[in-house]
Amino acid sequence: MRVSRTFAVLLACALPAGAATVDRVAATIDQQVLTVSEINQLVEIRFFPSNDRREILDTLIAQPLRFRDVERFGAQDIPNDTIETRLGDIQRRFASPAELTAALAQAEMTLDELRALVKRELQVEAYVQERFAPLIFVSNEDIESTYAGTWAQQRRQRGLTIPLLREVREEIRTLIRSRQLQMEVDKWTGQLRARANVDLYAWQ
């Protein structure tokens, strides 16, 4: 039987010391509560590639803060085929569709609830692309410096050949854009978190 987050927290506070609790609070974000069972649910269904609970907790703290900003400007509608494609990515983390179905049952989550989580994640990603991607500029100097530096060094460490720059220029440009975009997202998230009241109670 499912227990609402608010009820679970109130019940935990009302129980005497030493009594069993329904759930544990992992973190609070202003008035929103994240519970340990919610983290475990997402691990169970492999919603994120990583199963590190602290990483997932940090992501779940960031998501509602980001989504508030998204809603301020109007969240984009996400096409169903885009949602299904991302669902397919999650599906491939399991050996078969039956395993995903079993994991959803174990997590007490429906497929429609999983779709809703996917849609919200995609809405944030769409907002990031619209707001921050146009600000990213990769110069030829950036590409040449990365090619001669970390990119070539990593390939040498892996025993790989180093192709000519002209053959991998766009690959490196994409890599740099991705890194710069993530830096913008991290900066934005840090600003949002600084304005919020966030308290951690698990995996500190």
Protein backbone atom coordinates (compact mmCIF):
# COMPACT_ATOMS: atom_id res chain seq x y z
CA MET A 1 0.00 0.00 0.00
CA ARG A 2 1.33 3.41 -0.90
CA VAL A 3 1.73 6.09 1.74
CA SER A 4 1.73 9.73 0.72
CA ARG A 5 4.96 11.60 1.40
CA THR A 6 3.25 14.11 3.69
CA PHE A 7 1.53 11.36 5.69
CA ALA A 8 4.74 9.36 5.97
CA VAL A 9 6.64 12.33 7.36
CA LEU A 10 3.89 13.23 9.82
CA LEU A 11 3.63 9.63 10.98
CA ALA A 12 7.40 9.36 11.45
CA CYS A 13 7.39 12.53 13.58
CA ALA A 14 4.49 11.26 15.69
CA LEU A 15 6.00 7.88 16.53
CA PRO A 16 7.82 7.46 19.85
CA ALA A 17 11.57 6.92 19.92
CA GLY A 18 12.49 3.37 18.93
CA ALA A 19 9.23 2.72 17.09
CA ALA A 20 9.26 1.52 13.47
CA THR A 21 8.80 4.25 10.88
CA VAL A 22 7.04 4.09 7.55
CA ASP A 23 9.79 5.92 5.71
CA ARG A 24 12.84 8.08 6.23
CA VAL A 25 13.29 11.59 4.96
CA ALA A 26 16.28 11.86 2.62
CA ALA A 27 16.05 15.61 2.09
CA THR A 28 13.69 18.56 2.16
CA ILE A 29 13.53 21.28 -0.48
CA ASP A 30 11.57 24.19 0.93
CA GLN A 31 8.24 22.47 1.66
CA GLN A 32 8.87 19.43 -0.53
CA VAL A 33 10.00 16.16 1.04
CA LEU A 34 12.17 13.53 -0.65
CA THR A 35 12.11 10.13 1.03
CA VAL A 36 14.56 7.27 1.06
CA SER A 37 11.95 5.01 -0.55
CA GLU A 38 11.66 7.42 -3.50
CA ILE A 39 15.41 7.13 -4.07
CA ASN A 40 15.15 3.34 -3.83
CA GLN A 41 12.26 3.35 -6.32
CA LEU A 42 14.38 5.09 -8.93
CA VAL A 43 17.28 2.71 -8.30
CA GLU A 44 14.88 -0.23 -8.70
CA ILE A 45 13.61 0.95 -12.09
CA ARG A 46 17.08 2.13 -13.21
CA PHE A 47 15.74 5.57 -14.09
CA PHE A 48 19.27 6.94 -14.03
CA PRO A 49 22.33 5.16 -15.49
CA SER A 50 24.02 5.38 -12.08
CA ASN A 51 22.66 3.58 -9.03
CA ASP A 52 24.66 5.73 -6.59
CA ARG A 53 22.01 6.93 -4.16
CA ARG A 54 23.82 10.14 -3.24
CA GLU A 55 24.11 11.09 -6.91
CA ILE A 56 20.42 10.33 -7.40
CA LEU A 57 19.52 12.38 -4.33
CA ASP A 58 21.48 15.36 -5.67
CA THR A 59 19.68 15.01 -9.00
CA LEU A 60 16.27 14.79 -7.31
CA ILE A 61 17.06 17.93 -5.35
CA ALA A 62 18.03 19.73 -8.54
CA GLN A 63 15.03 18.58 -10.61
CA PRO A 64 12.22 20.40 -8.78
CA LEU A 65 14.32 23.55 -8.50
CA ARG A 66 14.96 23.48 -12.24
CA PHE A 67 11.36 22.62 -13.06
CA ARG A 68 10.09 25.64 -11.11
CA ASP A 69 12.16 27.83 -13.42
CA VAL A 70 10.89 25.89 -16.42
CA GLU A 71 7.27 26.44 -15.36
CA ARG A 72 7.86 30.17 -14.98
CA PHE A 73 8.53 30.39 -18.71
CA GLY A 74 6.10 27.64 -19.74
CA ALA A 75 7.15 24.01 -20.00
CA GLN A 76 7.26 22.70 -23.54
CA ASP A 77 4.94 19.92 -24.61
CA ILE A 78 7.01 16.83 -25.38
CA PRO A 79 5.97 14.62 -28.32
CA ASN A 80 4.93 11.10 -27.38
CA ASP A 81 7.52 9.54 -29.66
CA THR A 82 10.28 11.44 -27.83
CA ILE A 83 8.98 10.15 -24.50
CA GLU A 84 8.80 6.60 -25.86
CA THR A 85 12.37 6.87 -27.15
CA ARG A 86 13.62 7.80 -23.66
CA LEU A 87 11.52 4.99 -22.18
CA GLY A 88 13.30 2.70 -24.61
CA ASP A 89 16.63 3.86 -23.20
CA ILE A 90 15.47 2.84 -19.73
CA GLN A 91 14.09 -0.44 -21.08
CA ARG A 92 17.50 -1.36 -22.50
CA ARG A 93 18.95 -1.25 -18.98
CA PHE A 94 16.98 -4.44 -18.35
CA ALA A 95 17.43 -7.83 -19.97
CA SER A 96 13.79 -7.95 -21.08
CA PRO A 97 10.51 -5.99 -20.95
CA ALA A 98 9.33 -8.44 -18.30
CA GLU A 99 12.19 -7.41 -16.02
CA LEU A 100 11.21 -3.74 -16.29
CA THR A 101 7.60 -4.68 -15.55
CA ALA A 102 8.74 -6.61 -12.48
CA ALA A 103 10.92 -3.71 -11.34
CA LEU A 104 8.00 -1.29 -11.67
CA ALA A 105 5.84 -3.62 -9.60
CA GLN A 106 8.56 -3.93 -6.97
CA ALA A 107 8.86 -0.13 -6.86
CA GLU A 108 5.05 0.23 -6.68
CA MET A 109 5.11 2.43 -9.77
CA THR A 110 3.01 2.30 -12.90
CA LEU A 111 4.26 2.71 -16.45
CA ASP A 112 2.25 5.95 -16.74
CA GLU A 113 4.01 7.31 -13.65
CA LEU A 114 7.34 6.44 -15.25
CA ARG A 115 6.25 8.25 -18.41
CA ALA A 116 5.40 11.32 -16.31
CA LEU A 117 8.90 11.30 -14.79
CA VAL A 118 10.43 10.97 -18.24
CA LYS A 119 8.32 13.81 -19.61
CA ARG A 120 9.36 16.18 -16.83
CA GLU A 121 13.02 15.31 -17.35
CA LEU A 122 12.67 15.98 -21.09
CA GLN A 123 10.93 19.29 -20.43
CA VAL A 124 13.88 20.43 -18.35
CA GLU A 125 16.30 19.29 -21.05
CA ALA A 126 14.31 21.19 -23.70
CA TYR A 127 14.42 24.32 -21.55
CA VAL A 128 18.18 23.97 -21.11
CA GLN A 129 18.66 23.70 -24.87
CA GLU A 130 16.47 26.75 -25.50
CA ARG A 131 17.96 28.94 -22.77
CA PHE A 132 21.63 27.99 -22.59
CA ALA A 133 22.65 26.28 -25.83
CA PRO A 134 22.56 29.53 -27.87
CA LEU A 135 25.07 31.04 -25.42
CA ILE A 136 27.70 28.40 -26.17
CA PHE A 137 30.41 29.33 -28.65
CA VAL A 138 33.29 27.02 -29.51
CA SER A 139 36.22 28.68 -31.25
CA ASN A 140 38.75 27.02 -33.52
CA GLU A 141 41.34 27.76 -30.83
CA ASP A 142 39.25 25.80 -28.29
CA ILE A 143 39.08 22.84 -30.65
CA GLU A 144 42.80 22.88 -31.46
CA SER A 145 43.77 23.21 -27.79
CA THR A 146 41.51 20.33 -26.74
CA TYR A 147 42.70 18.16 -29.63
CA ALA A 148 46.37 18.67 -28.76
CA GLY A 149 45.76 18.40 -25.03
CA THR A 150 43.29 16.28 -23.09
CA TRP A 151 41.64 14.63 -26.11
CA ALA A 152 44.91 13.30 -27.55
CA GLN A 153 46.23 12.39 -24.10
CA GLN A 154 43.17 10.28 -23.30
CA ARG A 155 43.47 8.40 -26.58
CA ARG A 156 47.16 7.67 -25.93
CA GLN A 157 46.30 6.33 -22.48
CA ARG A 158 43.77 3.97 -24.08
CA GLY A 159 46.25 2.84 -26.72
CA LEU A 160 44.29 4.45 -29.57
CA THR A 161 45.64 6.18 -32.65
CA ILE A 162 45.21 9.93 -33.02
CA PRO A 163 43.48 10.87 -36.28
CA LEU A 164 44.08 14.13 -38.09
CA LEU A 165 42.31 17.14 -36.61
CA ARG A 166 40.20 17.68 -39.71
CA GLU A 167 38.75 14.18 -39.29
CA VAL A 168 37.56 14.75 -35.72
CA ARG A 169 36.96 18.49 -35.61
CA GLU A 170 33.17 18.22 -35.31
CA GLU A 171 33.43 15.43 -32.75
CA ILE A 172 35.62 17.63 -30.56
CA ARG A 173 33.37 20.64 -31.13
CA THR A 174 30.40 18.59 -29.88
CA LEU A 175 32.40 17.42 -26.86
CA ILE A 176 33.37 20.97 -25.91
CA ARG A 177 29.81 22.23 -26.40
CA SER A 178 28.52 19.47 -24.16
CA ARG A 179 31.01 20.32 -21.41
CA GLN A 180 30.31 24.05 -21.61
CA LEU A 181 26.57 23.44 -21.57
CA GLN A 182 26.91 21.28 -18.46
CA MET A 183 28.90 24.06 -16.80
CA GLU A 184 26.05 26.48 -17.51
CA VAL A 185 23.52 24.01 -16.11
CA ASP A 186 25.62 23.48 -12.99
CA LYS A 187 25.93 27.24 -12.48
CA TRP A 188 22.18 27.70 -12.95
CA THR A 189 21.41 24.84 -10.56
CA GLY A 190 23.79 26.24 -7.97
CA GLN A 191 22.02 29.60 -8.10
CA LEU A 192 18.62 27.94 -7.72
CA ARG A 193 19.81 25.83 -4.81
CA ALA A 194 21.34 28.86 -3.06
CA ARG A 195 17.92 30.53 -3.08
CA ALA A 196 16.15 27.44 -1.71
CA ASN A 197 16.06 25.93 1.76
CA VAL A 198 17.64 22.50 1.27
CA ASP A 199 18.34 20.12 4.15
CA LEU A 200 19.98 16.69 3.78
CA TYR A 201 19.21 13.80 6.11
CA ALA A 202 20.64 10.82 4.22
CA TRP A 203 23.90 10.01 2.38
CA GLN A 204 25.54 13.22 3.55
